[in-house]
Amino acid sequence: MKKIILSILAVGMMSFTQTPECYRAQCEDYVYNYEVDRIISDVEDYMEWTNEDLFQGRINEKTHARRIEYFQGTLDDLLQLERTLIHLK
């Protein structure tokens, strides 16, 4: 009788707890989302620095426009990726 009760309790406990794989998946999602946010922040910083370089005369307007266009395209792709990640959850 004790074995039956212990078996039922063990199965019941396992059905309510998460496996380590679930924790790992949640952790990977968190790290991945954190990395995407960090990269977005970095690209925005680069855009600000490029604006400052133009203001200080370190680069010309053609170079500035080309860099901003590249950074904006990258930023748009990252924001689309972030929106996709949110919808996958």
N, C-alpha and C. Protein backbone atom coordinates (compact mmCIF):
# COMPACT_ATOMS: atom_id res chain seq x y z
N MET A 1 0.82 -1.20 0.00
CA MET A 1 0.00 0.00 0.00
C MET A 1 0.86 1.25 0.00
N LYS A 2 1.96 1.22 0.79
CA LYS A 2 2.84 2.37 0.84
C LYS A 2 3.48 2.64 -0.53
N LYS A 3 3.82 1.56 -1.24
CA LYS A 3 4.44 1.72 -2.56
C LYS A 3 3.47 2.37 -3.53
N ILE A 4 2.22 2.02 -3.47
CA ILE A 4 1.21 2.60 -4.36
C ILE A 4 1.04 4.08 -4.06
N ILE A 5 0.93 4.43 -2.80
CA ILE A 5 0.77 5.83 -2.40
C ILE A 5 2.00 6.64 -2.80
N LEU A 6 3.18 6.10 -2.56
CA LEU A 6 4.42 6.80 -2.94
C LEU A 6 4.53 6.95 -4.46
N SER A 7 4.11 5.94 -5.19
CA SER A 7 4.14 6.02 -6.65
C SER A 7 3.19 7.10 -7.15
N ILE A 8 2.00 7.15 -6.59
CA ILE A 8 1.02 8.18 -6.99
C ILE A 8 1.54 9.57 -6.65
N LEU A 9 2.13 9.72 -5.47
CA LEU A 9 2.70 11.01 -5.08
C LEU A 9 3.85 11.41 -6.00
N ALA A 10 4.70 10.46 -6.35
CA ALA A 10 5.84 10.75 -7.22
C ALA A 10 5.37 11.20 -8.60
N VAL A 11 4.40 10.49 -9.16
CA VAL A 11 3.87 10.87 -10.48
C VAL A 11 3.19 12.24 -10.40
N GLY A 12 2.44 12.47 -9.32
CA GLY A 12 1.79 13.76 -9.14
C GLY A 12 2.78 14.90 -9.04
N MET A 13 3.85 14.69 -8.30
CA MET A 13 4.87 15.74 -8.16
C MET A 13 5.57 16.02 -9.48
N MET A 14 5.85 14.98 -10.27
CA MET A 14 6.53 15.18 -11.54
C MET A 14 5.65 15.92 -12.54
N SER A 15 4.35 15.77 -12.45
CA SER A 15 3.47 16.43 -13.40
C SER A 15 3.34 17.93 -13.11
N PHE A 16 3.69 18.37 -11.91
CA PHE A 16 3.57 19.78 -11.56
C PHE A 16 4.90 20.54 -11.59
N THR A 17 5.98 19.84 -11.77
CA THR A 17 7.28 20.52 -11.79
C THR A 17 7.80 20.57 -13.22
N GLN A 18 8.60 21.60 -13.50
CA GLN A 18 9.18 21.73 -14.83
C GLN A 18 10.48 20.95 -14.89
N THR A 19 10.78 20.49 -16.09
CA THR A 19 12.02 19.77 -16.29
C THR A 19 13.15 20.77 -16.51
N PRO A 20 14.38 20.36 -16.33
CA PRO A 20 15.51 21.27 -16.57
C PRO A 20 15.52 21.83 -17.99
N GLU A 21 14.98 21.07 -18.98
CA GLU A 21 14.95 21.57 -20.35
C GLU A 21 14.09 22.84 -20.44
N CYS A 22 13.00 22.89 -19.69
CA CYS A 22 12.15 24.07 -19.70
C CYS A 22 12.91 25.27 -19.13
N TYR A 23 13.62 25.06 -18.07
CA TYR A 23 14.38 26.16 -17.49
C TYR A 23 15.45 26.64 -18.47
N ARG A 24 16.09 25.70 -19.14
CA ARG A 24 17.13 26.06 -20.10
C ARG A 24 16.53 26.86 -21.26
N ALA A 25 15.36 26.44 -21.76
CA ALA A 25 14.72 27.15 -22.86
C ALA A 25 14.33 28.57 -22.44
N GLN A 26 13.80 28.71 -21.23
CA GLN A 26 13.44 30.05 -20.74
C GLN A 26 14.68 30.91 -20.61
N CYS A 27 15.74 30.33 -20.13
CA CYS A 27 17.00 31.05 -19.95
C CYS A 27 17.55 31.48 -21.30
N GLU A 28 17.52 30.59 -22.29
CA GLU A 28 18.01 30.92 -23.62
C GLU A 28 17.17 32.03 -24.24
N ASP A 29 15.85 31.99 -24.06
CA ASP A 29 14.98 33.06 -24.58
C ASP A 29 15.35 34.39 -23.95
N TYR A 30 15.58 34.39 -22.65
CA TYR A 30 15.93 35.62 -21.94
C TYR A 30 17.26 36.17 -22.46
N VAL A 31 18.25 35.30 -22.58
CA VAL A 31 19.57 35.74 -23.05
C VAL A 31 19.47 36.24 -24.48
N TYR A 32 18.73 35.53 -25.33
CA TYR A 32 18.59 35.93 -26.73
C TYR A 32 17.91 37.29 -26.82
N ASN A 33 16.82 37.49 -26.07
CA ASN A 33 16.13 38.78 -26.09
C ASN A 33 17.01 39.89 -25.54
N TYR A 34 17.78 39.59 -24.50
CA TYR A 34 18.70 40.57 -23.94
C TYR A 34 19.75 40.95 -24.97
N GLU A 35 20.27 39.99 -25.69
CA GLU A 35 21.29 40.27 -26.70
C GLU A 35 20.72 41.13 -27.83
N VAL A 36 19.50 40.84 -28.28
CA VAL A 36 18.88 41.64 -29.33
C VAL A 36 18.70 43.08 -28.85
N ASP A 37 18.23 43.25 -27.62
CA ASP A 37 18.06 44.60 -27.06
C ASP A 37 19.39 45.33 -26.96
N ARG A 38 20.43 44.61 -26.57
CA ARG A 38 21.75 45.22 -26.44
C ARG A 38 22.28 45.67 -27.80
N ILE A 39 22.08 44.85 -28.83
CA ILE A 39 22.55 45.19 -30.16
C ILE A 39 21.78 46.39 -30.70
N ILE A 40 20.47 46.44 -30.46
CA ILE A 40 19.67 47.59 -30.88
C ILE A 40 20.21 48.86 -30.23
N SER A 41 20.50 48.78 -28.96
CA SER A 41 21.06 49.93 -28.25
C SER A 41 22.40 50.36 -28.84
N ASP A 42 23.23 49.38 -29.18
CA ASP A 42 24.54 49.69 -29.78
C ASP A 42 24.38 50.40 -31.12
N VAL A 43 23.48 49.93 -31.96
CA VAL A 43 23.26 50.55 -33.27
C VAL A 43 22.77 51.98 -33.09
N GLU A 44 21.87 52.20 -32.14
CA GLU A 44 21.40 53.57 -31.87
C GLU A 44 22.55 54.46 -31.40
N ASP A 45 23.45 53.91 -30.59
CA ASP A 45 24.63 54.66 -30.16
C ASP A 45 25.51 55.03 -31.35
N TYR A 46 25.72 54.07 -32.27
CA TYR A 46 26.55 54.34 -33.44
C TYR A 46 25.95 55.46 -34.29
N MET A 47 24.62 55.47 -34.38
CA MET A 47 23.96 56.53 -35.14
C MET A 47 24.21 57.89 -34.49
N GLU A 48 24.12 57.95 -33.18
CA GLU A 48 24.39 59.20 -32.48
C GLU A 48 25.84 59.63 -32.67
N TRP A 49 26.76 58.70 -32.60
CA TRP A 49 28.18 59.03 -32.78
C TRP A 49 28.45 59.53 -34.19
N THR A 50 27.76 58.94 -35.18
CA THR A 50 27.92 59.39 -36.56
C THR A 50 27.41 60.82 -36.71
N ASN A 51 26.29 61.13 -36.06
CA ASN A 51 25.78 62.50 -36.09
C ASN A 51 26.78 63.46 -35.45
N GLU A 52 27.37 63.05 -34.37
CA GLU A 52 28.37 63.88 -33.69
C GLU A 52 29.62 64.06 -34.56
N ASP A 53 30.03 63.01 -35.25
CA ASP A 53 31.17 63.11 -36.16
C ASP A 53 30.90 64.13 -37.26
N LEU A 54 29.68 64.14 -37.80
CA LEU A 54 29.32 65.13 -38.82
C LEU A 54 29.34 66.53 -38.22
N PHE A 55 28.77 66.69 -37.05
CA PHE A 55 28.72 67.99 -36.39
C PHE A 55 30.12 68.53 -36.12
N GLN A 56 31.04 67.65 -35.74
CA GLN A 56 32.41 68.08 -35.42
C GLN A 56 33.30 68.18 -36.66
N GLY A 57 32.78 67.81 -37.82
CA GLY A 57 33.54 67.94 -39.06
C GLY A 57 34.50 66.79 -39.33
N ARG A 58 34.35 65.69 -38.65
CA ARG A 58 35.24 64.54 -38.85
C ARG A 58 34.90 63.76 -40.12
N ILE A 59 33.63 63.82 -40.53
CA ILE A 59 33.19 63.15 -41.76
C ILE A 59 32.38 64.12 -42.58
N ASN A 60 32.28 63.84 -43.88
CA ASN A 60 31.48 64.71 -44.74
C ASN A 60 30.03 64.22 -44.79
N GLU A 61 29.17 65.00 -45.43
CA GLU A 61 27.73 64.67 -45.45
C GLU A 61 27.44 63.40 -46.22
N LYS A 62 28.22 63.14 -47.28
CA LYS A 62 27.99 61.92 -48.07
C LYS A 62 28.29 60.68 -47.22
N THR A 63 29.40 60.69 -46.51
CA THR A 63 29.74 59.57 -45.63
C THR A 63 28.70 59.43 -44.53
N HIS A 64 28.27 60.56 -43.97
CA HIS A 64 27.25 60.54 -42.91
C HIS A 64 25.96 59.90 -43.42
N ALA A 65 25.51 60.33 -44.58
CA ALA A 65 24.26 59.79 -45.14
C ALA A 65 24.37 58.29 -45.39
N ARG A 66 25.52 57.86 -45.91
CA ARG A 66 25.72 56.44 -46.19
C ARG A 66 25.72 55.62 -44.90
N ARG A 67 26.39 56.10 -43.87
CA ARG A 67 26.43 55.38 -42.58
C ARG A 67 25.05 55.34 -41.93
N ILE A 68 24.37 56.47 -41.92
CA ILE A 68 23.03 56.51 -41.29
C ILE A 68 22.08 55.58 -42.03
N GLU A 69 22.17 55.53 -43.35
CA GLU A 69 21.31 54.63 -44.12
C GLU A 69 21.60 53.16 -43.75
N TYR A 70 22.86 52.83 -43.64
CA TYR A 70 23.24 51.47 -43.26
C TYR A 70 22.76 51.14 -41.85
N PHE A 71 23.01 52.05 -40.90
CA PHE A 71 22.58 51.81 -39.52
C PHE A 71 21.06 51.72 -39.42
N GLN A 72 20.35 52.55 -40.17
CA GLN A 72 18.88 52.53 -40.11
C GLN A 72 18.35 51.20 -40.65
N GLY A 73 18.95 50.69 -41.73
CA GLY A 73 18.54 49.39 -42.27
C GLY A 73 18.77 48.28 -41.26
N THR A 74 19.92 48.32 -40.61
CA THR A 74 20.24 47.32 -39.59
C THR A 74 19.26 47.43 -38.42
N LEU A 75 18.99 48.65 -37.99
CA LEU A 75 18.06 48.87 -36.88
C LEU A 75 16.66 48.37 -37.23
N ASP A 76 16.20 48.64 -38.45
CA ASP A 76 14.89 48.16 -38.88
C ASP A 76 14.82 46.63 -38.85
N ASP A 77 15.89 45.97 -39.31
CA ASP A 77 15.92 44.50 -39.29
C ASP A 77 15.88 43.97 -37.86
N LEU A 78 16.62 44.60 -36.97
CA LEU A 78 16.64 44.16 -35.57
C LEU A 78 15.29 44.37 -34.89
N LEU A 79 14.65 45.49 -35.18
CA LEU A 79 13.33 45.75 -34.58
C LEU A 79 12.30 44.75 -35.11
N GLN A 80 12.41 44.39 -36.39
CA GLN A 80 11.52 43.36 -36.94
C GLN A 80 11.77 42.03 -36.26
N LEU A 81 13.04 41.69 -36.03
CA LEU A 81 13.38 40.46 -35.32
C LEU A 81 12.81 40.47 -33.92
N GLU A 82 12.91 41.61 -33.23
CA GLU A 82 12.39 41.72 -31.87
C GLU A 82 10.87 41.52 -31.86
N ARG A 83 10.17 42.12 -32.82
CA ARG A 83 8.72 41.94 -32.90
C ARG A 83 8.36 40.49 -33.16
N THR A 84 9.14 39.83 -34.00
CA THR A 84 8.91 38.42 -34.31
C THR A 84 9.11 37.57 -33.06
N LEU A 85 10.14 37.86 -32.27
CA LEU A 85 10.39 37.11 -31.05
C LEU A 85 9.25 37.26 -30.06
N ILE A 86 8.69 38.45 -29.99
CA ILE A 86 7.58 38.69 -29.05
C ILE A 86 6.37 37.86 -29.46
N HIS A 87 6.11 37.76 -30.78
CA HIS A 87 4.94 37.01 -31.25
C HIS A 87 5.13 35.51 -31.14
N LEU A 88 6.37 35.05 -31.08
CA LEU A 88 6.62 33.61 -30.96
C LEU A 88 6.36 33.08 -29.57
N LYS A 89 6.35 33.95 -28.59
CA LYS A 89 6.16 33.50 -27.21
C LYS A 89 4.74 33.11 -26.93
